[in-house]
Amino acid sequence: MSTGMTPQQEYDFYADPANQEPEGPPVRRRARMGAPIPVRLPEDIREQVKARAEADHRTVSNWIRLVIERELATGDDAVVGGTSVR
């Protein structure tokens, strides 16, 4: 997000104590992430994931989390390799 201010103008603005008070309701942060899960992907899939993440303006990790959350939210029983994952 661009403020349209030069770095010096930003410095001058925030140097004023009146501009150092937070505005609006506090923003709650998401819970901390658990331990990482290393996943190896074939190069072609990795490149596709990277391209999709860039197109969505997300990091690869964030994009993968989003896809997993969407899949889990569908509520469908999934079968992977002949084994039910539920």
N, C-alpha and C. Protein backbone atom coordinates (compact mmCIF):
# COMPACT_ATOMS: atom_id res chain seq x y z
N MET A 1 0.85 -1.17 0.00
CA MET A 1 0.00 0.00 0.00
C MET A 1 0.89 1.23 0.00
N SER A 2 0.64 2.14 -0.89
CA SER A 2 1.44 3.35 -1.01
C SER A 2 0.74 4.49 -0.28
N THR A 3 1.53 5.24 0.50
CA THR A 3 0.96 6.37 1.24
C THR A 3 1.05 7.65 0.44
N GLY A 4 1.86 7.66 -0.62
CA GLY A 4 2.03 8.87 -1.40
C GLY A 4 2.94 9.87 -0.72
N MET A 5 3.62 9.44 0.34
CA MET A 5 4.52 10.33 1.09
C MET A 5 5.95 9.88 0.85
N THR A 6 6.85 10.83 0.85
CA THR A 6 8.27 10.50 0.75
C THR A 6 8.72 9.96 2.11
N PRO A 7 9.85 9.28 2.16
CA PRO A 7 10.35 8.81 3.45
C PRO A 7 10.52 9.96 4.46
N GLN A 8 10.95 11.11 4.00
CA GLN A 8 11.12 12.25 4.91
C GLN A 8 9.76 12.72 5.44
N GLN A 9 8.76 12.77 4.56
CA GLN A 9 7.42 13.17 4.99
C GLN A 9 6.85 12.17 6.01
N GLU A 10 7.10 10.88 5.78
CA GLU A 10 6.65 9.87 6.74
C GLU A 10 7.35 10.07 8.08
N TYR A 11 8.65 10.31 8.04
CA TYR A 11 9.40 10.53 9.28
C TYR A 11 8.84 11.74 10.03
N ASP A 12 8.63 12.83 9.31
CA ASP A 12 8.09 14.04 9.94
C ASP A 12 6.70 13.80 10.52
N PHE A 13 5.87 13.05 9.80
CA PHE A 13 4.51 12.77 10.26
C PHE A 13 4.54 11.99 11.58
N TYR A 14 5.34 10.92 11.62
CA TYR A 14 5.37 10.08 12.82
C TYR A 14 6.23 10.66 13.93
N ALA A 15 7.00 11.69 13.64
CA ALA A 15 7.76 12.37 14.70
C ALA A 15 6.82 13.13 15.63
N ASP A 16 5.65 13.49 15.15
CA ASP A 16 4.65 14.19 15.95
C ASP A 16 3.97 13.17 16.86
N PRO A 17 4.04 13.34 18.20
CA PRO A 17 3.43 12.37 19.11
C PRO A 17 1.94 12.14 18.86
N ALA A 18 1.25 13.13 18.33
CA ALA A 18 -0.18 12.97 18.05
C ALA A 18 -0.43 11.91 16.98
N ASN A 19 0.57 11.63 16.15
CA ASN A 19 0.42 10.65 15.08
C ASN A 19 0.98 9.28 15.47
N GLN A 20 1.27 9.09 16.75
CA GLN A 20 1.83 7.83 17.21
C GLN A 20 0.82 6.97 17.96
N GLU A 21 -0.41 7.44 18.08
CA GLU A 21 -1.46 6.70 18.77
C GLU A 21 -2.16 5.77 17.78
N PRO A 22 -2.34 4.50 18.15
CA PRO A 22 -3.06 3.57 17.26
C PRO A 22 -4.50 4.02 17.05
N GLU A 23 -5.03 3.76 15.89
CA GLU A 23 -6.41 4.09 15.57
C GLU A 23 -7.18 2.81 15.27
N GLY A 24 -8.45 2.82 15.57
CA GLY A 24 -9.31 1.69 15.26
C GLY A 24 -9.14 0.55 16.23
N PRO A 25 -9.91 -0.51 16.01
CA PRO A 25 -9.85 -1.66 16.91
C PRO A 25 -8.54 -2.42 16.73
N PRO A 26 -8.10 -3.10 17.77
CA PRO A 26 -6.86 -3.88 17.63
C PRO A 26 -7.05 -5.03 16.65
N VAL A 27 -5.99 -5.39 15.99
CA VAL A 27 -6.03 -6.48 15.03
C VAL A 27 -5.47 -7.72 15.70
N ARG A 28 -6.28 -8.77 15.75
CA ARG A 28 -5.82 -10.02 16.36
C ARG A 28 -4.98 -10.79 15.35
N ARG A 29 -3.90 -11.32 15.84
CA ARG A 29 -3.04 -12.13 14.98
C ARG A 29 -3.50 -13.58 15.05
N ARG A 30 -3.22 -14.30 13.98
CA ARG A 30 -3.54 -15.73 13.96
C ARG A 30 -2.66 -16.45 14.97
N ALA A 31 -3.13 -17.59 15.40
CA ALA A 31 -2.35 -18.41 16.32
C ALA A 31 -1.04 -18.80 15.65
N ARG A 32 -0.04 -19.00 16.46
CA ARG A 32 1.25 -19.42 15.91
C ARG A 32 1.10 -20.74 15.18
N MET A 33 1.94 -20.91 14.19
CA MET A 33 1.92 -22.13 13.40
C MET A 33 2.58 -23.25 14.20
N GLY A 34 2.18 -24.46 13.89
CA GLY A 34 2.80 -25.63 14.50
C GLY A 34 4.13 -25.92 13.84
N ALA A 35 4.64 -27.10 14.11
CA ALA A 35 5.93 -27.50 13.54
C ALA A 35 5.81 -27.63 12.03
N PRO A 36 6.86 -27.30 11.30
CA PRO A 36 6.83 -27.42 9.84
C PRO A 36 6.70 -28.89 9.41
N ILE A 37 6.09 -29.09 8.26
CA ILE A 37 5.97 -30.42 7.67
C ILE A 37 6.71 -30.38 6.34
N PRO A 38 7.88 -31.01 6.28
CA PRO A 38 8.62 -30.99 5.02
C PRO A 38 7.93 -31.87 3.97
N VAL A 39 7.78 -31.33 2.79
CA VAL A 39 7.13 -32.04 1.69
C VAL A 39 8.00 -31.89 0.45
N ARG A 40 8.27 -33.01 -0.20
CA ARG A 40 9.04 -32.97 -1.44
C ARG A 40 8.07 -33.08 -2.60
N LEU A 41 8.27 -32.22 -3.58
CA LEU A 41 7.40 -32.21 -4.76
C LEU A 41 8.25 -32.39 -6.01
N PRO A 42 7.69 -33.06 -7.03
CA PRO A 42 8.40 -33.10 -8.31
C PRO A 42 8.58 -31.67 -8.83
N GLU A 43 9.63 -31.45 -9.56
CA GLU A 43 9.97 -30.11 -10.04
C GLU A 43 8.83 -29.46 -10.80
N ASP A 44 8.14 -30.22 -11.66
CA ASP A 44 7.06 -29.62 -12.45
C ASP A 44 5.91 -29.15 -11.56
N ILE A 45 5.58 -29.92 -10.53
CA ILE A 45 4.51 -29.51 -9.62
C ILE A 45 4.97 -28.31 -8.79
N ARG A 46 6.21 -28.34 -8.34
CA ARG A 46 6.74 -27.21 -7.57
C ARG A 46 6.65 -25.91 -8.36
N GLU A 47 6.99 -25.96 -9.64
CA GLU A 47 6.91 -24.77 -10.48
C GLU A 47 5.47 -24.30 -10.66
N GLN A 48 4.54 -25.25 -10.80
CA GLN A 48 3.13 -24.87 -10.92
C GLN A 48 2.63 -24.21 -9.63
N VAL A 49 3.01 -24.78 -8.49
CA VAL A 49 2.61 -24.20 -7.19
C VAL A 49 3.18 -22.80 -7.06
N LYS A 50 4.44 -22.64 -7.40
CA LYS A 50 5.08 -21.33 -7.32
C LYS A 50 4.37 -20.31 -8.21
N ALA A 51 4.02 -20.72 -9.42
CA ALA A 51 3.33 -19.82 -10.36
C ALA A 51 1.96 -19.43 -9.83
N ARG A 52 1.23 -20.40 -9.28
CA ARG A 52 -0.10 -20.09 -8.73
C ARG A 52 0.01 -19.15 -7.53
N ALA A 53 0.99 -19.39 -6.67
CA ALA A 53 1.19 -18.53 -5.50
C ALA A 53 1.51 -17.10 -5.94
N GLU A 54 2.40 -16.96 -6.91
CA GLU A 54 2.75 -15.63 -7.41
C GLU A 54 1.53 -14.94 -8.02
N ALA A 55 0.71 -15.69 -8.76
CA ALA A 55 -0.48 -15.11 -9.38
C ALA A 55 -1.47 -14.62 -8.33
N ASP A 56 -1.49 -15.29 -7.16
CA ASP A 56 -2.38 -14.89 -6.06
C ASP A 56 -1.71 -13.90 -5.11
N HIS A 57 -0.48 -13.48 -5.43
CA HIS A 57 0.28 -12.56 -4.58
C HIS A 57 0.45 -13.12 -3.18
N ARG A 58 0.82 -14.39 -3.11
CA ARG A 58 1.02 -15.08 -1.84
C ARG A 58 2.38 -15.77 -1.86
N THR A 59 2.85 -16.11 -0.66
CA THR A 59 4.04 -16.95 -0.60
C THR A 59 3.62 -18.37 -0.93
N VAL A 60 4.58 -19.19 -1.29
CA VAL A 60 4.28 -20.59 -1.59
C VAL A 60 3.68 -21.25 -0.35
N SER A 61 4.27 -21.03 0.82
CA SER A 61 3.76 -21.64 2.05
C SER A 61 2.33 -21.20 2.32
N ASN A 62 2.05 -19.91 2.17
CA ASN A 62 0.70 -19.41 2.41
C ASN A 62 -0.28 -20.00 1.42
N TRP A 63 0.11 -20.11 0.16
CA TRP A 63 -0.77 -20.66 -0.86
C TRP A 63 -1.08 -22.13 -0.56
N ILE A 64 -0.06 -22.90 -0.17
CA ILE A 64 -0.28 -24.31 0.15
C ILE A 64 -1.21 -24.44 1.36
N ARG A 65 -1.00 -23.62 2.41
CA ARG A 65 -1.90 -23.65 3.57
C ARG A 65 -3.33 -23.36 3.16
N LEU A 66 -3.51 -22.35 2.30
CA LEU A 66 -4.85 -21.98 1.85
C LEU A 66 -5.52 -23.13 1.10
N VAL A 67 -4.79 -23.79 0.22
CA VAL A 67 -5.33 -24.91 -0.54
C VAL A 67 -5.72 -26.05 0.40
N ILE A 68 -4.87 -26.34 1.38
CA ILE A 68 -5.18 -27.40 2.35
C ILE A 68 -6.41 -27.03 3.17
N GLU A 69 -6.49 -25.78 3.63
CA GLU A 69 -7.65 -25.35 4.41
C GLU A 69 -8.93 -25.47 3.59
N ARG A 70 -8.88 -25.08 2.32
CA ARG A 70 -10.06 -25.20 1.45
C ARG A 70 -10.47 -26.65 1.27
N GLU A 71 -9.49 -27.51 1.07
CA GLU A 71 -9.78 -28.93 0.88
C GLU A 71 -10.39 -29.53 2.15
N LEU A 72 -9.85 -29.20 3.29
CA LEU A 72 -10.38 -29.73 4.55
C LEU A 72 -11.78 -29.19 4.83
N ALA A 73 -12.06 -27.98 4.39
CA ALA A 73 -13.37 -27.36 4.64
C ALA A 73 -14.47 -27.97 3.79
N THR A 74 -14.12 -28.70 2.73
CA THR A 74 -15.16 -29.28 1.87
C THR A 74 -15.94 -30.35 2.61
N GLY A 75 -15.33 -30.99 3.60
CA GLY A 75 -16.02 -32.00 4.37
C GLY A 75 -16.16 -33.33 3.66
N ASP A 76 -15.62 -33.45 2.46
CA ASP A 76 -15.70 -34.71 1.72
C ASP A 76 -14.70 -35.71 2.28
N ASP A 77 -15.10 -36.98 2.33
CA ASP A 77 -14.14 -38.02 2.68
C ASP A 77 -13.24 -38.22 1.48
N ALA A 78 -11.97 -38.09 1.70
CA ALA A 78 -11.01 -38.22 0.61
C ALA A 78 -10.34 -39.58 0.67
N VAL A 79 -10.06 -40.12 -0.48
CA VAL A 79 -9.32 -41.36 -0.57
C VAL A 79 -8.07 -41.08 -1.37
N VAL A 80 -6.93 -41.34 -0.74
CA VAL A 80 -5.65 -41.10 -1.39
C VAL A 80 -4.89 -42.41 -1.42
N GLY A 81 -4.54 -42.85 -2.60
CA GLY A 81 -3.78 -44.10 -2.72
C GLY A 81 -4.51 -45.29 -2.12
N GLY A 82 -5.85 -45.29 -2.17
CA GLY A 82 -6.62 -46.41 -1.65
C GLY A 82 -6.87 -46.35 -0.15
N THR A 83 -6.37 -45.31 0.52
CA THR A 83 -6.53 -45.19 1.96
C THR A 83 -7.35 -43.95 2.28
N SER A 84 -8.39 -44.13 3.07
CA SER A 84 -9.20 -42.98 3.48
C SER A 84 -8.38 -42.11 4.42
N VAL A 85 -8.43 -40.79 4.20
CA VAL A 85 -7.66 -39.88 5.05
C VAL A 85 -8.50 -39.38 6.22
N ARG A 86 -9.70 -39.88 6.37
CA ARG A 86 -10.54 -39.53 7.54
C ARG A 86 -10.78 -40.72 8.38
